[in-house]
Every structure is written in C-alpha cells, then in structure tokens.
Amino acid sequence: MSEARVGLVIEDDHDIRELVRTVLTQAGFDVTVASGGAEGVLMAKSLNPDVITLDLGLPDIDGFEVSRQIREFSDAYIVMLTARTEELDTLIGLESGADDYLTKPFRPRELRARVAAMMRRPRSVPDPADVAVDSSPDSAAHPERGNFSHNGLDLSYASRTVTVDGREMNLTRTEFELLYALLEAGRTVRTKSDLVRRLRDEDYDVGSYISEADERSVEVHMGNLRKKLGDSPQQPRWLQTVRGVGYRLAPGQH
C-alpha cells in the first residue's frame, strides 16, 4: 500500500486553516498545519509535502518570501490562497514559485479540483540509470516515448529531467508541464487557454471557463521558464511567442 500523500497548510486564520485541512483530509492527504511563515518553511523541510497551501497575508513573513524559501529545497505544488484581488499580487506570487492560486472566499470543491489536477501529474523521479533517454534528432516526432530533443534541449518525461547543452535545469513541475506540452505539440500553436487546461489536466477542447488571470498566470510561468532556459524572446531556441494567441516550439536549428 502506498504512503499517504502529505499536505501542508500555512494559514494564520483559524477558520480557513481548518477548512483547508478538512478539504485536503477528505482528498486523502495526511495534513499538517502551520500558522506562520517561519514555522511553515521548517515544516516543509521536515515533511517533504506533496502539496502546500499558502496564505499570502501571514503575520511574520509574507507568503511571497515563504514561497521563495520553500522553492530552494522543495518541488511541492504550492497553491496560494489570497484575499487580495490585485493582479500584481498574483503575478508576484507566481514569480516567487507558486503553481496556482485561489482568491478568498473560495469554494472548497474548487480547491479540491485544483489539487486533484496537480496530483495527476507525476511526482516521483526514478533513477536516471534506469531510464533510456532517446536524444536522437527525430525523437520529437515520437511523443509516446516521452523523450524529446530539440536545439540542444533534452527532456525525459519518465525521469522528469530537462537538460540544456548537457546542463540539468531546475524547473518547477508547472514549468516542466508547459515545456512538455510545447515539445509534444511541435510547431502547432498552443493557446494560453489550451495550456491552462493542460495544467488542470483537462482536455484541450473541454470548454471550461478560463479567466484573463488564468491566462496571465501562464504568461508568468512561461516567462519564468524562459529565464531559466536562458531563451531569448526575440530569437528563441525553444519558446516562440505567437502574439495574441499563445506559444509554440521554435524552429529546429541546423
């Protein structure tokens, strides 16, 4: 029997903390709670949680800094819970390493749905020695293998690894999923709505509501990914922006 998934709730409001604890417990998580940022960072280190819900308005350290500190050692999914509706706060939160956000008051079933979608993405990384990575020039034409090679970038879905010119990249799981989606699509354009649905583990054409903030969050994650890869928006090796629409893979270089 597999170990219970671990959830960490970092929230200073008692009522919301207990609500989130209940939602995650009902979803099958072994839940620990923290009422402050410093305590939350320590618990994240000791527990190695799968999912962290993080309030932005903590009394000691703000949630942005908590997220940045946790990202230094953890690849847990981080969902920001914020009473702030300003877009800037959301963008700063995503840039600090959060994967998703919900604005208070939120519906418990919405939180559960977001967490469930995240958990459907693989988390475990096998020993790379056990994974055969196909880095042949035409590997991008065989998405079923889960291995892609393009302009010096190699991605293995099985081992959740990405290397650029032989150097391993440290991507969040959201950044990894976005990169994989573009490699998988090749030169086909993926709209921002497509990519939001991909992160929610929905079919591309399911027709669910996508807000402007959802699409903006994809832009932020793509910006973070581009920075980590060292990719140029003007002369991209991998991530080509299609203005007003979305993104696609840049042409192959010979």
Protein backbone atom coordinates (compact mmCIF):
# COMPACT_ATOMS: atom_id res chain seq x y z
CA MET A 1 0.00 0.00 0.00
CA SER A 2 1.43 3.39 -0.98
CA GLU A 3 2.19 6.00 1.66
CA ALA A 4 -0.41 8.69 2.28
CA ARG A 5 0.16 11.90 0.38
CA VAL A 6 1.28 14.75 2.60
CA GLY A 7 -0.38 18.16 2.65
CA LEU A 8 0.84 21.27 4.46
CA VAL A 9 -1.47 24.20 5.23
CA ILE A 10 0.27 27.51 6.03
CA GLU A 11 -2.50 29.86 7.15
CA ASP A 12 -2.92 32.20 10.12
CA ASP A 13 -6.74 32.41 10.01
CA HIS A 14 -8.06 29.58 12.18
CA ASP A 15 -11.35 29.06 10.32
CA ILE A 16 -9.74 28.95 6.87
CA ARG A 17 -6.92 26.76 8.18
CA GLU A 18 -9.42 24.19 9.46
CA LEU A 19 -11.48 24.39 6.26
CA VAL A 20 -8.43 23.68 4.10
CA ARG A 21 -7.33 20.93 6.47
CA THR A 22 -10.75 19.28 6.07
CA VAL A 23 -10.70 19.59 2.26
CA LEU A 24 -7.24 18.03 1.97
CA THR A 25 -8.00 15.32 4.52
CA GLN A 26 -11.14 14.33 2.59
CA ALA A 27 -8.97 14.22 -0.55
CA GLY A 28 -6.77 11.60 1.09
CA PHE A 29 -3.90 13.71 2.44
CA ASP A 30 -2.12 13.39 5.77
CA VAL A 31 -2.35 17.08 6.72
CA THR A 32 -0.14 19.24 8.94
CA VAL A 33 -0.88 22.90 9.63
CA ALA A 34 1.27 25.93 10.42
CA SER A 35 0.02 29.36 11.48
CA GLY A 36 3.11 31.33 10.47
CA GLY A 37 5.59 31.56 7.62
CA ALA A 38 8.76 30.62 9.51
CA GLU A 39 7.03 27.60 11.05
CA GLY A 40 5.70 26.66 7.60
CA VAL A 41 9.15 26.72 5.99
CA LEU A 42 10.54 24.45 8.73
CA MET A 43 7.64 22.02 8.35
CA ALA A 44 8.07 21.97 4.58
CA LYS A 45 11.71 20.98 5.10
CA SER A 46 10.94 18.19 7.54
CA LEU A 47 7.76 16.78 5.93
CA ASN A 48 8.59 16.91 2.20
CA PRO A 49 4.90 17.56 1.40
CA ASP A 50 3.24 16.86 -1.94
CA VAL A 51 1.02 19.95 -1.79
CA ILE A 52 1.28 23.19 0.17
CA THR A 53 -1.49 25.76 0.51
CA LEU A 54 -0.02 29.13 1.36
CA ASP A 55 -1.72 32.28 2.63
CA LEU A 56 -0.10 35.48 1.37
CA GLY A 57 -1.00 37.60 4.40
CA LEU A 58 0.96 35.81 7.14
CA PRO A 59 1.86 37.67 10.35
CA ASP A 60 5.63 37.09 10.38
CA ILE A 61 6.93 36.54 6.81
CA ASP A 62 4.82 37.38 3.79
CA GLY A 63 3.72 34.49 1.60
CA PHE A 64 5.90 35.62 -1.32
CA GLU A 65 9.06 35.15 0.75
CA VAL A 66 7.79 31.87 2.20
CA SER A 67 7.27 30.56 -1.33
CA ARG A 68 10.75 31.65 -2.41
CA GLN A 69 12.35 29.96 0.61
CA ILE A 70 10.42 26.71 0.10
CA ARG A 71 11.34 26.65 -3.59
CA GLU A 72 15.03 26.50 -2.62
CA PHE A 73 14.60 22.91 -1.41
CA SER A 74 11.15 21.62 -2.39
CA ASP A 75 9.27 20.76 -5.59
CA ALA A 76 5.92 20.55 -3.77
CA TYR A 77 2.94 22.02 -5.55
CA ILE A 78 2.20 25.40 -3.98
CA VAL A 79 -1.31 26.87 -4.14
CA MET A 80 -1.59 30.47 -2.95
CA LEU A 81 -4.74 31.42 -1.07
CA THR A 82 -5.12 35.17 -1.09
CA ALA A 83 -7.68 37.75 -0.05
CA ARG A 84 -6.01 40.19 -2.43
CA THR A 85 -7.63 40.51 -5.81
CA GLU A 86 -4.98 42.74 -7.42
CA GLU A 87 -3.38 41.06 -10.40
CA LEU A 88 0.08 42.29 -9.36
CA ASP A 89 -0.05 40.28 -6.14
CA THR A 90 -0.98 37.15 -8.06
CA LEU A 91 1.84 37.65 -10.55
CA ILE A 92 4.41 38.25 -7.82
CA GLY A 93 3.21 35.06 -6.11
CA LEU A 94 3.60 33.01 -9.28
CA GLU A 95 7.02 34.51 -9.93
CA SER A 96 8.08 33.54 -6.40
CA GLY A 97 7.45 29.88 -7.25
CA ALA A 98 3.75 29.19 -6.64
CA ASP A 99 1.99 26.90 -9.11
CA ASP A 100 -1.59 28.14 -8.77
CA TYR A 101 -3.75 30.50 -6.77
CA LEU A 102 -7.28 30.87 -5.42
CA THR A 103 -8.86 34.10 -4.21
CA LYS A 104 -10.72 34.06 -0.89
CA PRO A 105 -13.52 33.34 -0.41
CA PHE A 106 -13.15 30.19 -2.49
CA ARG A 107 -15.31 27.13 -2.92
CA PRO A 108 -13.87 24.05 -1.20
CA ARG A 109 -14.64 21.89 -4.25
CA GLU A 110 -12.62 24.28 -6.43
CA LEU A 111 -9.57 23.86 -4.17
CA ARG A 112 -10.05 20.10 -4.19
CA ALA A 113 -10.33 20.08 -8.01
CA ARG A 114 -7.16 22.14 -8.43
CA VAL A 115 -5.20 19.90 -6.06
CA ALA A 116 -6.54 16.75 -7.72
CA ALA A 117 -5.41 18.01 -11.14
CA MET A 118 -1.92 18.73 -9.79
CA MET A 119 -1.63 15.31 -8.21
CA ARG A 120 -2.40 13.60 -11.51
CA ARG A 121 0.95 14.89 -12.76
CA PRO A 122 3.85 12.53 -11.91
CA ARG A 123 5.99 13.49 -8.96
CA SER A 124 8.37 10.59 -8.45
CA VAL A 125 11.67 10.56 -10.31
CA PRO A 126 13.25 7.16 -10.98
CA ASP A 127 16.98 6.58 -11.02
CA PRO A 128 18.22 8.09 -14.30
CA ALA A 129 20.33 4.97 -14.83
CA ASP A 130 17.08 3.02 -15.23
CA VAL A 131 15.68 5.39 -17.86
CA ALA A 132 16.63 5.13 -21.51
CA VAL A 133 16.56 8.65 -22.91
CA ASP A 134 16.18 8.89 -26.67
CA SER A 135 18.05 12.02 -27.73
CA SER A 136 18.11 11.20 -31.43
CA PRO A 137 17.29 14.13 -33.76
CA ASP A 138 13.86 12.78 -34.64
CA SER A 139 12.75 11.90 -31.11
CA ALA A 140 10.34 14.86 -31.01
CA ALA A 141 8.34 13.00 -33.64
CA HIS A 142 7.60 10.19 -31.19
CA PRO A 143 5.67 11.70 -28.24
CA GLU A 144 4.68 8.28 -26.95
CA ARG A 145 8.25 7.78 -25.82
CA GLY A 146 8.04 10.83 -23.59
CA ASN A 147 11.56 11.84 -24.65
CA PHE A 148 12.24 14.94 -26.72
CA SER A 149 15.37 16.55 -28.12
CA HIS A 150 15.27 20.00 -29.72
CA ASN A 151 18.02 22.56 -30.34
CA GLY A 152 20.26 21.25 -27.55
CA LEU A 153 17.43 20.70 -25.06
CA ASP A 154 16.63 17.15 -23.92
CA LEU A 155 13.50 16.28 -21.90
CA SER A 156 12.63 12.92 -20.38
CA TYR A 157 9.07 12.67 -19.07
CA ALA A 158 9.78 9.39 -17.27
CA SER A 159 12.61 10.83 -15.18
CA ARG A 160 11.16 14.39 -15.13
CA THR A 161 14.51 15.80 -16.22
CA VAL A 162 15.46 18.58 -18.61
CA THR A 163 18.98 19.36 -19.77
CA VAL A 164 20.19 22.23 -21.94
CA ASP A 165 23.52 21.68 -23.68
CA GLY A 166 24.19 18.90 -21.15
CA ARG A 167 23.39 21.02 -18.07
CA GLU A 168 20.43 19.93 -15.93
CA MET A 169 17.70 22.52 -15.37
CA ASN A 170 15.90 23.03 -12.07
CA LEU A 171 12.28 23.55 -13.18
CA THR A 172 9.12 23.62 -11.11
CA ARG A 173 6.64 20.94 -12.08
CA THR A 174 4.36 23.53 -13.67
CA GLU A 175 7.23 24.83 -15.82
CA PHE A 176 8.08 21.24 -16.77
CA GLU A 177 4.48 20.54 -17.85
CA LEU A 178 4.35 23.67 -20.00
CA LEU A 179 7.63 22.82 -21.70
CA TYR A 180 6.47 19.26 -22.29
CA ALA A 181 3.19 20.49 -23.79
CA LEU A 182 5.06 22.63 -26.34
CA LEU A 183 7.54 19.89 -27.23
CA GLU A 184 4.65 17.46 -27.63
CA ALA A 185 2.79 19.88 -29.91
CA GLY A 186 5.81 20.65 -32.09
CA ARG A 187 5.12 23.61 -34.38
CA THR A 188 1.41 23.58 -33.57
CA VAL A 189 0.41 26.70 -31.65
CA ARG A 190 -0.90 26.11 -28.13
CA THR A 191 -3.19 28.91 -26.96
CA LYS A 192 -2.94 30.18 -23.40
CA SER A 193 -6.35 28.61 -22.73
CA ASP A 194 -5.02 25.28 -24.04
CA LEU A 195 -2.14 25.49 -21.60
CA VAL A 196 -4.35 26.43 -18.65
CA ARG A 197 -6.45 23.33 -19.36
CA ARG A 198 -3.31 21.23 -19.69
CA LEU A 199 -2.23 22.30 -16.21
CA ARG A 200 -5.69 21.41 -14.92
CA ASP A 201 -5.41 18.02 -16.63
CA GLU A 202 -8.46 18.77 -18.78
CA ASP A 203 -8.94 18.04 -22.47
CA TYR A 204 -7.88 20.95 -24.66
CA ASP A 205 -11.40 21.43 -26.06
CA VAL A 206 -13.41 20.79 -22.90
CA GLY A 207 -14.85 24.33 -22.92
CA SER A 208 -14.39 25.10 -19.21
CA TYR A 209 -14.17 28.74 -18.13
CA ILE A 210 -10.72 30.32 -18.44
CA SER A 211 -10.27 33.78 -16.92
CA GLU A 212 -7.85 36.50 -18.02
CA ALA A 213 -5.97 35.95 -14.77
CA ASP A 214 -5.60 32.24 -15.62
CA GLU A 215 -4.09 33.15 -18.99
CA ARG A 216 -1.86 35.78 -17.38
CA SER A 217 -0.56 33.15 -14.96
CA VAL A 218 0.53 31.03 -17.94
CA GLU A 219 2.41 34.07 -19.29
CA VAL A 220 4.23 34.41 -15.96
CA HIS A 221 5.14 30.71 -15.81
CA MET A 222 6.38 30.87 -19.42
CA GLY A 223 8.43 33.97 -18.55
CA ASN A 224 9.99 32.13 -15.61
CA LEU A 225 10.69 29.11 -17.82
CA ARG A 226 12.28 31.27 -20.50
CA LYS A 227 14.58 32.89 -17.91
CA LYS A 228 15.70 29.53 -16.53
CA LEU A 229 16.41 28.14 -20.01
CA GLY A 230 18.25 31.32 -21.00
CA ASP A 231 15.96 31.65 -24.02
CA SER A 232 15.61 34.92 -25.93
CA PRO A 233 12.09 36.18 -26.72
CA GLN A 234 13.46 37.92 -29.81
CA GLN A 235 15.48 34.96 -31.15
CA PRO A 236 14.06 31.91 -29.38
CA ARG A 237 15.71 28.49 -29.42
CA TRP A 238 12.67 26.82 -27.83
CA LEU A 239 9.76 29.02 -26.73
CA GLN A 240 8.26 31.09 -29.52
CA THR A 241 5.51 33.56 -28.61
CA VAL A 242 2.66 33.86 -31.11
CA ARG A 243 1.37 37.32 -30.24
CA GLY A 244 -2.23 37.49 -29.11
CA VAL A 245 -2.60 33.72 -29.30
CA GLY A 246 -0.11 31.64 -27.30
CA TYR A 247 3.11 29.71 -27.83
CA ARG A 248 4.74 27.09 -29.99
CA LEU A 249 8.10 25.40 -30.35
CA ALA A 250 10.72 27.46 -32.17
CA PRO A 251 12.01 26.03 -35.47
CA GLY A 252 14.80 23.45 -35.40
CA GLN A 253 18.31 24.79 -35.89
CA HIS A 254 20.69 23.01 -38.24
